[in-house]
Amino acid sequence: MEAIRRIQTVQNGEVHLQLPKQFWGQEVEIIVLPAPAQTMRLVMPNKSLHGCLKHYAKPELIAREHDAWQTTASEKHGCLAHCTH
């Protein structure tokens, strides 16, 4: 089943839909519901996320972070991070 969803503003009690050709000549069901209110976004402008994941930190691994990408690439590909395949 193919469905079309449009959100339009009702003007003078009317909405207008241009349906694709595959609907032409077919019986269709039209359901009108009020659109959901726009949800408020929890946007905190000019706020930093620095430290928000610190409770996941593993202090014993912090010393290894500096070379983590290069070490992983070397282990996975058997070369330094700057080599190409």
C-alpha atoms as a PDB file:
ATOM      1  CA  MET A   1       0.000   0.000   0.000  1.00  0.00           C
ATOM      2  CA  GLU A   2       1.347   3.392  -0.938  1.00  0.00           C
ATOM      3  CA  ALA A   3       0.530   6.384   1.219  1.00  0.00           C
ATOM      4  CA  ILE A   4       1.063  10.079   0.826  1.00  0.00           C
ATOM      5  CA  ARG A   5       1.520  12.300   3.828  1.00  0.00           C
ATOM      6  CA  ARG A   6       1.388  16.065   3.550  1.00  0.00           C
ATOM      7  CA  ILE A   7       1.161  18.731   6.185  1.00  0.00           C
ATOM      8  CA  GLN A   8      -0.629  21.784   4.904  1.00  0.00           C
ATOM      9  CA  THR A   9      -2.262  24.823   6.393  1.00  0.00           C
ATOM     10  CA  VAL A  10      -6.009  24.927   5.924  1.00  0.00           C
ATOM     11  CA  GLN A  11      -6.917  28.089   4.030  1.00  0.00           C
ATOM     12  CA  ASN A  12     -10.552  29.172   3.904  1.00  0.00           C
ATOM     13  CA  GLY A  13     -11.557  25.678   4.996  1.00  0.00           C
ATOM     14  CA  GLU A  14      -9.778  23.977   2.085  1.00  0.00           C
ATOM     15  CA  VAL A  15      -6.675  21.938   1.356  1.00  0.00           C
ATOM     16  CA  HIS A  16      -5.526  20.986  -2.135  1.00  0.00           C
ATOM     17  CA  LEU A  17      -3.664  17.807  -3.078  1.00  0.00           C
ATOM     18  CA  GLN A  18      -2.077  17.000  -6.406  1.00  0.00           C
ATOM     19  CA  LEU A  19      -1.912  13.205  -6.512  1.00  0.00           C
ATOM     20  CA  PRO A  20       0.515  11.185  -8.637  1.00  0.00           C
ATOM     21  CA  LYS A  21      -0.776   9.324 -11.701  1.00  0.00           C
ATOM     22  CA  GLN A  22      -0.820   5.928  -9.966  1.00  0.00           C
ATOM     23  CA  PHE A  23      -3.763   7.240  -7.891  1.00  0.00           C
ATOM     24  CA  TRP A  24      -5.746   8.571 -10.821  1.00  0.00           C
ATOM     25  CA  GLY A  25      -9.020   6.727 -11.372  1.00  0.00           C
ATOM     26  CA  GLN A  26      -8.756   4.891  -8.050  1.00  0.00           C
ATOM     27  CA  GLU A  27     -10.904   5.197  -4.996  1.00  0.00           C
ATOM     28  CA  VAL A  28      -8.864   6.721  -2.136  1.00  0.00           C
ATOM     29  CA  GLU A  29      -9.444   7.214   1.551  1.00  0.00           C
ATOM     30  CA  ILE A  30      -8.837  10.683   2.914  1.00  0.00           C
ATOM     31  CA  ILE A  31      -8.180  11.099   6.631  1.00  0.00           C
ATOM     32  CA  VAL A  32      -7.700  14.551   8.096  1.00  0.00           C
ATOM     33  CA  LEU A  33      -5.971  14.901  11.458  1.00  0.00           C
ATOM     34  CA  PRO A  34      -4.523  17.960  13.135  1.00  0.00           C
ATOM     35  CA  ALA A  35      -0.745  17.991  12.706  1.00  0.00           C
ATOM     36  CA  PRO A  36       1.245  17.312  15.857  1.00  0.00           C
ATOM     37  CA  ALA A  37       2.497  20.452  17.551  1.00  0.00           C
ATOM     38  CA  GLN A  38       6.130  21.116  16.904  1.00  0.00           C
ATOM     39  CA  THR A  39       8.101  19.615  19.728  1.00  0.00           C
ATOM     40  CA  MET A  40      10.325  21.929  21.677  1.00  0.00           C
ATOM     41  CA  ARG A  41      13.929  21.160  20.993  1.00  0.00           C
ATOM     42  CA  LEU A  42      16.205  21.037  23.962  1.00  0.00           C
ATOM     43  CA  VAL A  43      18.727  23.368  22.416  1.00  0.00           C
ATOM     44  CA  MET A  44      21.122  25.043  24.747  1.00  0.00           C
ATOM     45  CA  PRO A  45      22.861  27.704  22.669  1.00  0.00           C
ATOM     46  CA  ASN A  46      26.472  28.453  23.498  1.00  0.00           C
ATOM     47  CA  LYS A  47      26.678  25.546  25.908  1.00  0.00           C
ATOM     48  CA  SER A  48      29.523  23.090  25.809  1.00  0.00           C
ATOM     49  CA  LEU A  49      29.167  19.331  25.992  1.00  0.00           C
ATOM     50  CA  HIS A  50      32.635  19.123  27.483  1.00  0.00           C
ATOM     51  CA  GLY A  51      32.633  16.553  30.251  1.00  0.00           C
ATOM     52  CA  CYS A  52      29.068  15.316  29.740  1.00  0.00           C
ATOM     53  CA  LEU A  53      30.257  11.724  29.221  1.00  0.00           C
ATOM     54  CA  LYS A  54      32.877  11.686  31.957  1.00  0.00           C
ATOM     55  CA  HIS A  55      31.002   9.053  33.955  1.00  0.00           C
ATOM     56  CA  TYR A  56      31.828   6.599  31.141  1.00  0.00           C
ATOM     57  CA  ALA A  57      35.562   7.341  31.357  1.00  0.00           C
ATOM     58  CA  LYS A  58      38.037   4.594  32.186  1.00  0.00           C
ATOM     59  CA  PRO A  59      40.934   6.374  33.873  1.00  0.00           C
ATOM     60  CA  GLU A  60      43.273   3.453  33.207  1.00  0.00           C
ATOM     61  CA  LEU A  61      42.858   3.975  29.430  1.00  0.00           C
ATOM     62  CA  ILE A  62      43.268   7.763  29.313  1.00  0.00           C
ATOM     63  CA  ALA A  63      47.039   7.515  28.867  1.00  0.00           C
ATOM     64  CA  ARG A  64      46.475   5.392  25.716  1.00  0.00           C
ATOM     65  CA  GLU A  65      44.067   7.855  24.025  1.00  0.00           C
ATOM     66  CA  HIS A  66      46.779   9.882  22.316  1.00  0.00           C
ATOM     67  CA  ASP A  67      47.828   6.976  20.064  1.00  0.00           C
ATOM     68  CA  ALA A  68      44.530   5.060  20.015  1.00  0.00           C
ATOM     69  CA  TRP A  69      43.640   5.659  16.356  1.00  0.00           C
ATOM     70  CA  GLN A  70      47.107   4.856  15.053  1.00  0.00           C
ATOM     71  CA  THR A  71      47.353   1.739  17.216  1.00  0.00           C
ATOM     72  CA  THR A  72      43.958   0.460  16.082  1.00  0.00           C
ATOM     73  CA  ALA A  73      44.703   1.126  12.405  1.00  0.00           C
ATOM     74  CA  SER A  74      48.034  -0.651  12.743  1.00  0.00           C
ATOM     75  CA  GLU A  75      46.441  -3.668  14.425  1.00  0.00           C
ATOM     76  CA  LYS A  76      43.615  -3.871  11.899  1.00  0.00           C
ATOM     77  CA  HIS A  77      45.559  -3.196   8.701  1.00  0.00           C
ATOM     78  CA  GLY A  78      49.098  -4.133   9.674  1.00  0.00           C
ATOM     79  CA  CYS A  79      50.449  -0.700   8.805  1.00  0.00           C
ATOM     80  CA  LEU A  80      50.733   2.782  10.197  1.00  0.00           C
ATOM     81  CA  ALA A  81      47.696   5.051   9.990  1.00  0.00           C
ATOM     82  CA  HIS A  82      49.139   7.026   7.050  1.00  0.00           C
ATOM     83  CA  CYS A  83      49.558   4.072   4.691  1.00  0.00           C
ATOM     84  CA  THR A  84      47.053   3.360   1.929  1.00  0.00           C
ATOM     85  CA  HIS A  85      45.769   0.129   0.479  1.00  0.00           C
END
